[in-house]
Amino acid sequence: MEYTISTNDPTEIKVGAKGIEDILQCVRTILGTIEGSVPLDRRFGISSDVIDEPLNRMDRIYEEIYRKVETYEPRVNITSIKVKTDNAEGKANIIVGVRINEEYL
């Protein structure tokens, strides 16, 4: 089964989340964290260098998302990354599709 996580999703943390809920929350945390902001793991999160790229350079953020999710959340495989842009606002919503590895279900 495939799940989607959006950078527009609420970012509250549910303490004690288990199973699928925990896995999806962890991916959401990776996407919502800026690299360098976690004191004991400065490489955790998405690099601000790619976040500040123009919308026509989204290839760099795709690479960053694949690399970081693969490193920090091995319980999932990314199946898709889509970007919905709002050019008037200069914002992008990134939607990541993931499939949870069977051994973690």
PDB file of N, CA and C in Angstrom:
ATOM      1  N   MET A   1       0.842  -1.183   0.000  1.00  0.00           N
ATOM      2  CA  MET A   1       0.000   0.000   0.000  1.00  0.00           C
ATOM      3  C   MET A   1       0.885   1.243   0.000  1.00  0.00           C
ATOM      4  N   GLU A   2       0.471   2.235  -0.758  1.00  0.00           N
ATOM      5  CA  GLU A   2       1.228   3.479  -0.834  1.00  0.00           C
ATOM      6  C   GLU A   2       0.563   4.556   0.010  1.00  0.00           C
ATOM      7  N   TYR A   3       1.403   5.352   0.670  1.00  0.00           N
ATOM      8  CA  TYR A   3       0.947   6.458   1.498  1.00  0.00           C
ATOM      9  C   TYR A   3       1.549   7.739   0.946  1.00  0.00           C
ATOM     10  N   THR A   4       0.883   8.849   1.167  1.00  0.00           N
ATOM     11  CA  THR A   4       1.425  10.133   0.732  1.00  0.00           C
ATOM     12  C   THR A   4       1.638  11.041   1.925  1.00  0.00           C
ATOM     13  N   ILE A   5       2.713  11.790   1.833  1.00  0.00           N
ATOM     14  CA  ILE A   5       3.056  12.766   2.859  1.00  0.00           C
ATOM     15  C   ILE A   5       3.285  14.076   2.134  1.00  0.00           C
ATOM     16  N   SER A   6       2.697  15.132   2.629  1.00  0.00           N
ATOM     17  CA  SER A   6       2.800  16.440   2.008  1.00  0.00           C
ATOM     18  C   SER A   6       3.510  17.402   2.948  1.00  0.00           C
ATOM     19  N   THR A   7       4.264  18.317   2.375  1.00  0.00           N
ATOM     20  CA  THR A   7       4.904  19.323   3.214  1.00  0.00           C
ATOM     21  C   THR A   7       3.879  20.300   3.784  1.00  0.00           C
ATOM     22  N   ASN A   8       2.643  20.211   3.327  1.00  0.00           N
ATOM     23  CA  ASN A   8       1.563  21.017   3.893  1.00  0.00           C
ATOM     24  C   ASN A   8       0.818  20.295   5.015  1.00  0.00           C
ATOM     25  N   ASP A   9       1.181  19.032   5.284  1.00  0.00           N
ATOM     26  CA  ASP A   9       0.544  18.280   6.367  1.00  0.00           C
ATOM     27  C   ASP A   9       0.844  18.941   7.715  1.00  0.00           C
ATOM     28  N   PRO A  10      -0.063  18.807   8.675  1.00  0.00           N
ATOM     29  CA  PRO A  10       0.235  19.298  10.031  1.00  0.00           C
ATOM     30  C   PRO A  10       1.488  18.614  10.576  1.00  0.00           C
ATOM     31  N   THR A  11       2.275  19.329  11.338  1.00  0.00           N
ATOM     32  CA  THR A  11       3.559  18.796  11.802  1.00  0.00           C
ATOM     33  C   THR A  11       3.587  18.434  13.281  1.00  0.00           C
ATOM     34  N   GLU A  12       2.417  18.376  13.922  1.00  0.00           N
ATOM     35  CA  GLU A  12       2.437  18.017  15.343  1.00  0.00           C
ATOM     36  C   GLU A  12       2.951  16.594  15.511  1.00  0.00           C
ATOM     37  N   ILE A  13       3.619  16.379  16.628  1.00  0.00           N
ATOM     38  CA  ILE A  13       4.208  15.081  16.938  1.00  0.00           C
ATOM     39  C   ILE A  13       3.277  14.343  17.892  1.00  0.00           C
ATOM     40  N   LYS A  14       2.940  13.109  17.536  1.00  0.00           N
ATOM     41  CA  LYS A  14       2.138  12.280  18.428  1.00  0.00           C
ATOM     42  C   LYS A  14       3.098  11.379  19.198  1.00  0.00           C
ATOM     43  N   VAL A  15       3.310  11.687  20.455  1.00  0.00           N
ATOM     44  CA  VAL A  15       4.188  10.886  21.303  1.00  0.00           C
ATOM     45  C   VAL A  15       3.560   9.509  21.475  1.00  0.00           C
ATOM     46  N   GLY A  16       4.359   8.483  21.275  1.00  0.00           N
ATOM     47  CA  GLY A  16       3.869   7.124  21.428  1.00  0.00           C
ATOM     48  C   GLY A  16       3.248   6.543  20.174  1.00  0.00           C
ATOM     49  N   ALA A  17       3.393   7.241  19.037  1.00  0.00           N
ATOM     50  CA  ALA A  17       2.860   6.699  17.783  1.00  0.00           C
ATOM     51  C   ALA A  17       3.527   5.357  17.505  1.00  0.00           C
ATOM     52  N   LYS A  18       2.768   4.459  16.920  1.00  0.00           N
ATOM     53  CA  LYS A  18       3.283   3.117  16.640  1.00  0.00           C
ATOM     54  C   LYS A  18       2.944   2.716  15.213  1.00  0.00           C
ATOM     55  N   GLY A  19       3.655   1.733  14.707  1.00  0.00           N
ATOM     56  CA  GLY A  19       3.349   1.146  13.410  1.00  0.00           C
ATOM     57  C   GLY A  19       3.420   2.143  12.275  1.00  0.00           C
ATOM     58  N   ILE A  20       2.428   2.071  11.405  1.00  0.00           N
ATOM     59  CA  ILE A  20       2.392   2.918  10.214  1.00  0.00           C
ATOM     60  C   ILE A  20       2.381   4.393  10.591  1.00  0.00           C
ATOM     61  N   GLU A  21       1.623   4.731  11.609  1.00  0.00           N
ATOM     62  CA  GLU A  21       1.544   6.128  12.054  1.00  0.00           C
ATOM     63  C   GLU A  21       2.927   6.662  12.436  1.00  0.00           C
ATOM     64  N   ASP A  22       3.709   5.866  13.136  1.00  0.00           N
ATOM     65  CA  ASP A  22       5.067   6.258  13.528  1.00  0.00           C
ATOM     66  C   ASP A  22       5.962   6.444  12.306  1.00  0.00           C
ATOM     67  N   ILE A  23       5.890   5.517  11.377  1.00  0.00           N
ATOM     68  CA  ILE A  23       6.743   5.586  10.185  1.00  0.00           C
ATOM     69  C   ILE A  23       6.437   6.838   9.375  1.00  0.00           C
ATOM     70  N   LEU A  24       5.163   7.106   9.135  1.00  0.00           N
ATOM     71  CA  LEU A  24       4.779   8.289   8.356  1.00  0.00           C
ATOM     72  C   LEU A  24       5.143   9.575   9.094  1.00  0.00           C
ATOM     73  N   GLN A  25       4.997   9.560  10.415  1.00  0.00           N
ATOM     74  CA  GLN A  25       5.389  10.726  11.213  1.00  0.00           C
ATOM     75  C   GLN A  25       6.888  10.981  11.093  1.00  0.00           C
ATOM     76  N   CYS A  26       7.685   9.926  11.061  1.00  0.00           N
ATOM     77  CA  CYS A  26       9.135  10.078  10.928  1.00  0.00           C
ATOM     78  C   CYS A  26       9.514  10.674   9.571  1.00  0.00           C
ATOM     79  N   VAL A  27       8.859  10.231   8.499  1.00  0.00           N
ATOM     80  CA  VAL A  27       9.131  10.802   7.176  1.00  0.00           C
ATOM     81  C   VAL A  27       8.735  12.274   7.166  1.00  0.00           C
ATOM     82  N   ARG A  28       7.577  12.582   7.734  1.00  0.00           N
ATOM     83  CA  ARG A  28       7.117  13.971   7.804  1.00  0.00           C
ATOM     84  C   ARG A  28       8.122  14.841   8.574  1.00  0.00           C
ATOM     85  N   THR A  29       8.704  14.270   9.618  1.00  0.00           N
ATOM     86  CA  THR A  29       9.693  15.005  10.411  1.00  0.00           C
ATOM     87  C   THR A  29      10.947  15.296   9.586  1.00  0.00           C
ATOM     88  N   ILE A  30      11.395  14.333   8.811  1.00  0.00           N
ATOM     89  CA  ILE A  30      12.557  14.554   7.940  1.00  0.00           C
ATOM     90  C   ILE A  30      12.269  15.701   6.973  1.00  0.00           C
ATOM     91  N   LEU A  31      11.100  15.657   6.329  1.00  0.00           N
ATOM     92  CA  LEU A  31      10.743  16.682   5.347  1.00  0.00           C
ATOM     93  C   LEU A  31      10.583  18.062   5.972  1.00  0.00           C
ATOM     94  N   GLY A  32      10.172  18.109   7.236  1.00  0.00           N
ATOM     95  CA  GLY A  32       9.913  19.385   7.898  1.00  0.00           C
ATOM     96  C   GLY A  32      11.051  19.935   8.729  1.00  0.00           C
ATOM     97  N   THR A  33      12.205  19.279   8.663  1.00  0.00           N
ATOM     98  CA  THR A  33      13.346  19.716   9.468  1.00  0.00           C
ATOM     99  C   THR A  33      14.440  20.276   8.558  1.00  0.00           C
ATOM    100  N   ILE A  34      14.997  21.396   8.942  1.00  0.00           N
ATOM    101  CA  ILE A  34      16.104  22.003   8.197  1.00  0.00           C
ATOM    102  C   ILE A  34      17.413  21.394   8.684  1.00  0.00           C
ATOM    103  N   GLU A  35      18.226  20.938   7.752  1.00  0.00           N
ATOM    104  CA  GLU A  35      19.538  20.373   8.091  1.00  0.00           C
ATOM    105  C   GLU A  35      20.333  21.377   8.922  1.00  0.00           C
ATOM    106  N   GLY A  36      20.958  20.878   9.973  1.00  0.00           N
ATOM    107  CA  GLY A  36      21.760  21.728  10.852  1.00  0.00           C
ATOM    108  C   GLY A  36      21.020  22.169  12.102  1.00  0.00           C
ATOM    109  N   SER A  37      19.714  21.900  12.172  1.00  0.00           N
ATOM    110  CA  SER A  37      18.936  22.384  13.309  1.00  0.00           C
ATOM    111  C   SER A  37      18.792  21.364  14.436  1.00  0.00           C
ATOM    112  N   VAL A  38      19.272  20.148  14.234  1.00  0.00           N
ATOM    113  CA  VAL A  38      19.187  19.116  15.275  1.00  0.00           C
ATOM    114  C   VAL A  38      20.560  19.027  15.950  1.00  0.00           C
ATOM    115  N   PRO A  39      20.651  19.403  17.223  1.00  0.00           N
ATOM    116  CA  PRO A  39      21.958  19.524  17.881  1.00  0.00           C
ATOM    117  C   PRO A  39      22.842  18.278  17.844  1.00  0.00           C
ATOM    118  N   LEU A  40      22.302  17.093  17.997  1.00  0.00           N
ATOM    119  CA  LEU A  40      23.156  15.917  18.055  1.00  0.00           C
ATOM    120  C   LEU A  40      23.288  15.198  16.716  1.00  0.00           C
ATOM    121  N   ASP A  41      22.644  15.714  15.683  1.00  0.00           N
ATOM    122  CA  ASP A  41      22.780  15.155  14.336  1.00  0.00           C
ATOM    123  C   ASP A  41      22.571  16.277  13.324  1.00  0.00           C
ATOM    124  N   ARG A  42      23.606  17.030  13.074  1.00  0.00           N
ATOM    125  CA  ARG A  42      23.524  18.212  12.209  1.00  0.00           C
ATOM    126  C   ARG A  42      23.199  17.883  10.754  1.00  0.00           C
ATOM    127  N   ARG A  43      23.328  16.610  10.342  1.00  0.00           N
ATOM    128  CA  ARG A  43      23.013  16.229   8.960  1.00  0.00           C
ATOM    129  C   ARG A  43      21.548  15.844   8.771  1.00  0.00           C
ATOM    130  N   PHE A  44      20.801  15.711   9.860  1.00  0.00           N
ATOM    131  CA  PHE A  44      19.386  15.344   9.777  1.00  0.00           C
ATOM    132  C   PHE A  44      18.585  16.482   9.150  1.00  0.00           C
ATOM    133  N   GLY A  45      17.633  16.157   8.303  1.00  0.00           N
ATOM    134  CA  GLY A  45      16.755  17.156   7.697  1.00  0.00           C
ATOM    135  C   GLY A  45      17.176  17.515   6.290  1.00  0.00           C
ATOM    136  N   ILE A  46      16.425  18.417   5.697  1.00  0.00           N
ATOM    137  CA  ILE A  46      16.619  18.836   4.307  1.00  0.00           C
ATOM    138  C   ILE A  46      17.487  20.090   4.284  1.00  0.00           C
ATOM    139  N   SER A  47      18.467  20.080   3.399  1.00  0.00           N
ATOM    140  CA  SER A  47      19.405  21.197   3.285  1.00  0.00           C
ATOM    141  C   SER A  47      18.694  22.489   2.884  1.00  0.00           C
ATOM    142  N   SER A  48      19.009  23.560   3.558  1.00  0.00           N
ATOM    143  CA  SER A  48      18.418  24.854   3.209  1.00  0.00           C
ATOM    144  C   SER A  48      18.907  25.325   1.840  1.00  0.00           C
ATOM    145  N   ASP A  49      20.031  24.810   1.374  1.00  0.00           N
ATOM    146  CA  ASP A  49      20.524  25.171   0.036  1.00  0.00           C
ATOM    147  C   ASP A  49      19.522  24.771  -1.038  1.00  0.00           C
ATOM    148  N   VAL A  50      18.936  23.580  -0.918  1.00  0.00           N
ATOM    149  CA  VAL A  50      17.980  23.150  -1.939  1.00  0.00           C
ATOM    150  C   VAL A  50      16.601  23.752  -1.716  1.00  0.00           C
ATOM    151  N   ILE A  51      16.272  24.045  -0.479  1.00  0.00           N
ATOM    152  CA  ILE A  51      14.965  24.649  -0.197  1.00  0.00           C
ATOM    153  C   ILE A  51      14.872  26.029  -0.837  1.00  0.00           C
ATOM    154  N   ASP A  52      15.980  26.747  -0.859  1.00  0.00           N
ATOM    155  CA  ASP A  52      15.983  28.100  -1.400  1.00  0.00           C
ATOM    156  C   ASP A  52      16.225  28.163  -2.905  1.00  0.00           C
ATOM    157  N   GLU A  53      16.302  27.009  -3.572  1.00  0.00           N
ATOM    158  CA  GLU A  53      16.487  26.979  -5.023  1.00  0.00           C
ATOM    159  C   GLU A  53      15.231  27.505  -5.719  1.00  0.00           C
ATOM    160  N   PRO A  54      15.396  28.081  -6.902  1.00  0.00           N
ATOM    161  CA  PRO A  54      14.212  28.477  -7.680  1.00  0.00           C
ATOM    162  C   PRO A  54      13.360  27.245  -8.001  1.00  0.00           C
ATOM    163  N   LEU A  55      12.080  27.451  -8.234  1.00  0.00           N
ATOM    164  CA  LEU A  55      11.170  26.344  -8.484  1.00  0.00           C
ATOM    165  C   LEU A  55      11.544  25.533  -9.725  1.00  0.00           C
ATOM    166  N   ASN A  56      12.277  26.121 -10.660  1.00  0.00           N
ATOM    167  CA  ASN A  56      12.685  25.371 -11.852  1.00  0.00           C
ATOM    168  C   ASN A  56      13.910  24.485 -11.586  1.00  0.00           C
ATOM    169  N   ARG A  57      14.399  24.441 -10.379  1.00  0.00           N
ATOM    170  CA  ARG A  57      15.538  23.585  -9.995  1.00  0.00           C
ATOM    171  C   ARG A  57      15.114  22.529  -8.983  1.00  0.00           C
ATOM    172  N   MET A  58      13.917  22.031  -9.115  1.00  0.00           N
ATOM    173  CA  MET A  58      13.390  21.065  -8.162  1.00  0.00           C
ATOM    174  C   MET A  58      14.136  19.733  -8.206  1.00  0.00           C
ATOM    175  N   ASP A  59      14.903  19.477  -9.264  1.00  0.00           N
ATOM    176  CA  ASP A  59      15.669  18.230  -9.334  1.00  0.00           C
ATOM    177  C   ASP A  59      16.594  18.092  -8.127  1.00  0.00           C
ATOM    178  N   ARG A  60      17.133  19.184  -7.646  1.00  0.00           N
ATOM    179  CA  ARG A  60      18.024  19.122  -6.481  1.00  0.00           C
ATOM    180  C   ARG A  60      17.278  18.717  -5.215  1.00  0.00           C
ATOM    181  N   ILE A  61      16.057  19.183  -5.056  1.00  0.00           N
ATOM    182  CA  ILE A  61      15.308  18.801  -3.858  1.00  0.00           C
ATOM    183  C   ILE A  61      14.852  17.349  -3.954  1.00  0.00           C
ATOM    184  N   TYR A  62      14.539  16.862  -5.162  1.00  0.00           N
ATOM    185  CA  TYR A  62      14.207  15.443  -5.325  1.00  0.00           C
ATOM    186  C   TYR A  62      15.364  14.581  -4.834  1.00  0.00           C
ATOM    187  N   GLU A  63      16.564  14.896  -5.280  1.00  0.00           N
ATOM    188  CA  GLU A  63      17.756  14.138  -4.879  1.00  0.00           C
ATOM    189  C   GLU A  63      17.952  14.186  -3.365  1.00  0.00           C
ATOM    190  N   GLU A  64      17.772  15.359  -2.794  1.00  0.00           N
ATOM    191  CA  GLU A  64      17.946  15.537  -1.351  1.00  0.00           C
ATOM    192  C   GLU A  64      16.919  14.706  -0.577  1.00  0.00           C
ATOM    193  N   ILE A  65      15.674  14.732  -1.013  1.00  0.00           N
ATOM    194  CA  ILE A  65      14.629  13.968  -0.329  1.00  0.00           C
ATOM    195  C   ILE A  65      14.928  12.476  -0.410  1.00  0.00           C
ATOM    196  N   TYR A  66      15.264  11.978  -1.597  1.00  0.00           N
ATOM    197  CA  TYR A  66      15.595  10.557  -1.726  1.00  0.00           C
ATOM    198  C   TYR A  66      16.743  10.179  -0.794  1.00  0.00           C
ATOM    199  N   ARG A  67      17.790  10.985  -0.800  1.00  0.00           N
ATOM    200  CA  ARG A  67      18.982  10.670   0.000  1.00  0.00           C
ATOM    201  C   ARG A  67      18.672  10.681   1.489  1.00  0.00           C
ATOM    202  N   LYS A  68      17.958  11.693   1.961  1.00  0.00           N
ATOM    203  CA  LYS A  68      17.702  11.819   3.391  1.00  0.00           C
ATOM    204  C   LYS A  68      16.705  10.778   3.892  1.00  0.00           C
ATOM    205  N   VAL A  69      15.671  10.507   3.126  1.00  0.00           N
ATOM    206  CA  VAL A  69      14.702   9.496   3.567  1.00  0.00           C
ATOM    207  C   VAL A  69      15.358   8.120   3.550  1.00  0.00           C
ATOM    208  N   GLU A  70      16.151   7.833   2.542  1.00  0.00           N
ATOM    209  CA  GLU A  70      16.858   6.554   2.486  1.00  0.00           C
ATOM    210  C   GLU A  70      17.791   6.392   3.688  1.00  0.00           C
ATOM    211  N   THR A  71      18.447   7.460   4.088  1.00  0.00           N
ATOM    212  CA  THR A  71      19.389   7.419   5.208  1.00  0.00           C
ATOM    213  C   THR A  71      18.677   7.311   6.558  1.00  0.00           C
ATOM    214  N   TYR A  72      17.652   8.132   6.764  1.00  0.00           N
ATOM    215  CA  TYR A  72      17.056   8.261   8.088  1.00  0.00           C
ATOM    216  C   TYR A  72      15.769   7.470   8.305  1.00  0.00           C
ATOM    217  N   GLU A  73      15.169   6.962   7.243  1.00  0.00           N
ATOM    218  CA  GLU A  73      13.948   6.167   7.418  1.00  0.00           C
ATOM    219  C   GLU A  73      13.967   4.964   6.483  1.00  0.00           C
ATOM    220  N   PRO A  74      14.804   3.966   6.819  1.00  0.00           N
ATOM    221  CA  PRO A  74      14.950   2.795   5.951  1.00  0.00           C
ATOM    222  C   PRO A  74      13.718   1.888   5.928  1.00  0.00           C
ATOM    223  N   ARG A  75      12.703   2.208   6.725  1.00  0.00           N
ATOM    224  CA  ARG A  75      11.485   1.388   6.726  1.00  0.00           C
ATOM    225  C   ARG A  75      10.593   1.664   5.520  1.00  0.00           C
ATOM    226  N   VAL A  76      10.932   2.686   4.716  1.00  0.00           N
ATOM    227  CA  VAL A  76      10.110   3.015   3.546  1.00  0.00           C
ATOM    228  C   VAL A  76      10.954   3.091   2.282  1.00  0.00           C
ATOM    229  N   ASN A  77      10.270   2.966   1.165  1.00  0.00           N
ATOM    230  CA  ASN A  77      10.846   3.252  -0.146  1.00  0.00           C
ATOM    231  C   ASN A  77      10.010   4.357  -0.762  1.00  0.00           C
ATOM    232  N   ILE A  78      10.669   5.346  -1.332  1.00  0.00           N
ATOM    233  CA  ILE A  78       9.947   6.424  -1.996  1.00  0.00           C
ATOM    234  C   ILE A  78       9.467   5.912  -3.348  1.00  0.00           C
ATOM    235  N   THR A  79       8.180   6.126  -3.624  1.00  0.00           N
ATOM    236  CA  THR A  79       7.604   5.705  -4.898  1.00  0.00           C
ATOM    237  C   THR A  79       7.380   6.882  -5.839  1.00  0.00           C
ATOM    238  N   SER A  80       7.250   8.079  -5.277  1.00  0.00           N
ATOM    239  CA  SER A  80       7.050   9.260  -6.123  1.00  0.00           C
ATOM    240  C   SER A  80       7.327  10.527  -5.333  1.00  0.00           C
ATOM    241  N   ILE A  81       7.686  11.550  -6.077  1.00  0.00           N
ATOM    242  CA  ILE A  81       7.793  12.897  -5.514  1.00  0.00           C
ATOM    243  C   ILE A  81       7.141  13.821  -6.526  1.00  0.00           C
ATOM    244  N   LYS A  82       6.162  14.583  -6.062  1.00  0.00           N
ATOM    245  CA  LYS A  82       5.473  15.534  -6.925  1.00  0.00           C
ATOM    246  C   LYS A  82       5.556  16.910  -6.277  1.00  0.00           C
ATOM    247  N   VAL A  83       5.557  17.907  -7.122  1.00  0.00           N
ATOM    248  CA  VAL A  83       5.605  19.274  -6.625  1.00  0.00           C
ATOM    249  C   VAL A  83       4.421  20.040  -7.197  1.00  0.00           C
ATOM    250  N   LYS A  84       3.677  20.667  -6.304  1.00  0.00           N
ATOM    251  CA  LYS A  84       2.612  21.570  -6.722  1.00  0.00           C
ATOM    252  C   LYS A  84       3.090  22.974  -6.365  1.00  0.00           C
ATOM    253  N   THR A  85       3.154  23.815  -7.365  1.00  0.00           N
ATOM    254  CA  THR A  85       3.681  25.167  -7.141  1.00  0.00           C
ATOM    255  C   THR A  85       2.568  26.194  -7.131  1.00  0.00           C
ATOM    256  N   ASP A  86       2.811  27.225  -6.357  1.00  0.00           N
ATOM    257  CA  ASP A  86       1.956  28.399  -6.342  1.00  0.00           C
ATOM    258  C   ASP A  86       2.870  29.556  -6.723  1.00  0.00           C
ATOM    259  N   ASN A  87       2.916  29.834  -8.020  1.00  0.00           N
ATOM    260  CA  ASN A  87       3.846  30.855  -8.519  1.00  0.00           C
ATOM    261  C   ASN A  87       3.535  32.238  -7.971  1.00  0.00           C
ATOM    262  N   ALA A  88       2.267  32.520  -7.732  1.00  0.00           N
ATOM    263  CA  ALA A  88       1.902  33.829  -7.197  1.00  0.00           C
ATOM    264  C   ALA A  88       2.496  34.038  -5.809  1.00  0.00           C
ATOM    265  N   GLU A  89       2.508  32.978  -5.010  1.00  0.00           N
ATOM    266  CA  GLU A  89       3.058  33.047  -3.652  1.00  0.00           C
ATOM    267  C   GLU A  89       4.536  32.680  -3.606  1.00  0.00           C
ATOM    268  N   GLY A  90       5.044  32.050  -4.673  1.00  0.00           N
ATOM    269  CA  GLY A  90       6.445  31.598  -4.675  1.00  0.00           C
ATOM    270  C   GLY A  90       6.671  30.420  -3.753  1.00  0.00           C
ATOM    271  N   LYS A  91       5.629  29.571  -3.608  1.00  0.00           N
ATOM    272  CA  LYS A  91       5.704  28.441  -2.695  1.00  0.00           C
ATOM    273  C   LYS A  91       5.535  27.132  -3.456  1.00  0.00           C
ATOM    274  N   ALA A  92       6.070  26.090  -2.869  1.00  0.00           N
ATOM    275  CA  ALA A  92       5.906  24.755  -3.433  1.00  0.00           C
ATOM    276  C   ALA A  92       5.440  23.804  -2.340  1.00  0.00           C
ATOM    277  N   ASN A  93       4.514  22.936  -2.687  1.00  0.00           N
ATOM    278  CA  ASN A  93       4.071  21.871  -1.800  1.00  0.00           C
ATOM    279  C   ASN A  93       4.649  20.584  -2.375  1.00  0.00           C
ATOM    280  N   ILE A  94       5.440  19.890  -1.603  1.00  0.00           N
ATOM    281  CA  ILE A  94       6.058  18.652  -2.063  1.00  0.00           C
ATOM    282  C   ILE A  94       5.261  17.488  -1.494  1.00  0.00           C
ATOM    283  N   ILE A  95       4.868  16.588  -2.381  1.00  0.00           N
ATOM    284  CA  ILE A  95       4.073  15.427  -1.999  1.00  0.00           C
ATOM    285  C   ILE A  95       4.916  14.192  -2.291  1.00  0.00           C
ATOM    286  N   VAL A  96       5.209  13.442  -1.243  1.00  0.00           N
ATOM    287  CA  VAL A  96       6.071  12.265  -1.353  1.00  0.00           C
ATOM    288  C   VAL A  96       5.219  11.018  -1.163  1.00  0.00           C
ATOM    289  N   GLY A  97       5.303  10.107  -2.136  1.00  0.00           N
ATOM    290  CA  GLY A  97       4.641   8.812  -2.020  1.00  0.00           C
ATOM    291  C   GLY A  97       5.635   7.805  -1.463  1.00  0.00           C
ATOM    292  N   VAL A  98       5.216   7.028  -0.483  1.00  0.00           N
ATOM    293  CA  VAL A  98       6.104   6.016   0.105  1.00  0.00           C
ATOM    294  C   VAL A  98       5.369   4.685   0.210  1.00  0.00           C
ATOM    295  N   ARG A  99       6.142   3.640   0.143  1.00  0.00           N
ATOM    296  CA  ARG A  99       5.642   2.296   0.388  1.00  0.00           C
ATOM    297  C   ARG A  99       6.446   1.765   1.580  1.00  0.00           C
ATOM    298  N   ILE A 100       5.735   1.255   2.570  1.00  0.00           N
ATOM    299  CA  ILE A 100       6.395   0.731   3.766  1.00  0.00           C
ATOM    300  C   ILE A 100       6.892  -0.672   3.473  1.00  0.00           C
ATOM    301  N   ASN A 101       8.149  -0.920   3.816  1.00  0.00           N
ATOM    302  CA  ASN A 101       8.729  -2.248   3.610  1.00  0.00           C
ATOM    303  C   ASN A 101       7.959  -3.280   4.423  1.00  0.00           C
ATOM    304  N   GLU A 102       7.638  -4.405   3.795  1.00  0.00           N
ATOM    305  CA  GLU A 102       6.775  -5.429   4.399  1.00  0.00           C
ATOM    306  C   GLU A 102       7.245  -5.889   5.772  1.00  0.00           C
ATOM    307  N   GLU A 103       8.527  -5.942   6.000  1.00  0.00           N
ATOM    308  CA  GLU A 103       9.026  -6.441   7.270  1.00  0.00           C
ATOM    309  C   GLU A 103       8.639  -5.537   8.448  1.00  0.00           C
ATOM    310  N   TYR A 104       8.179  -4.305   8.165  1.00  0.00           N
ATOM    311  CA  TYR A 104       7.808  -3.383   9.235  1.00  0.00           C
ATOM    312  C   TYR A 104       6.306  -3.273   9.431  1.00  0.00           C
ATOM    313  N   LEU A 105       5.543  -4.043   8.652  1.00  0.00           N
ATOM    314  CA  LEU A 105       4.081  -3.988   8.798  1.00  0.00           C
ATOM    315  C   LEU A 105       3.596  -4.965   9.858  1.00  0.00           C
TER     316      LEU A 105
END
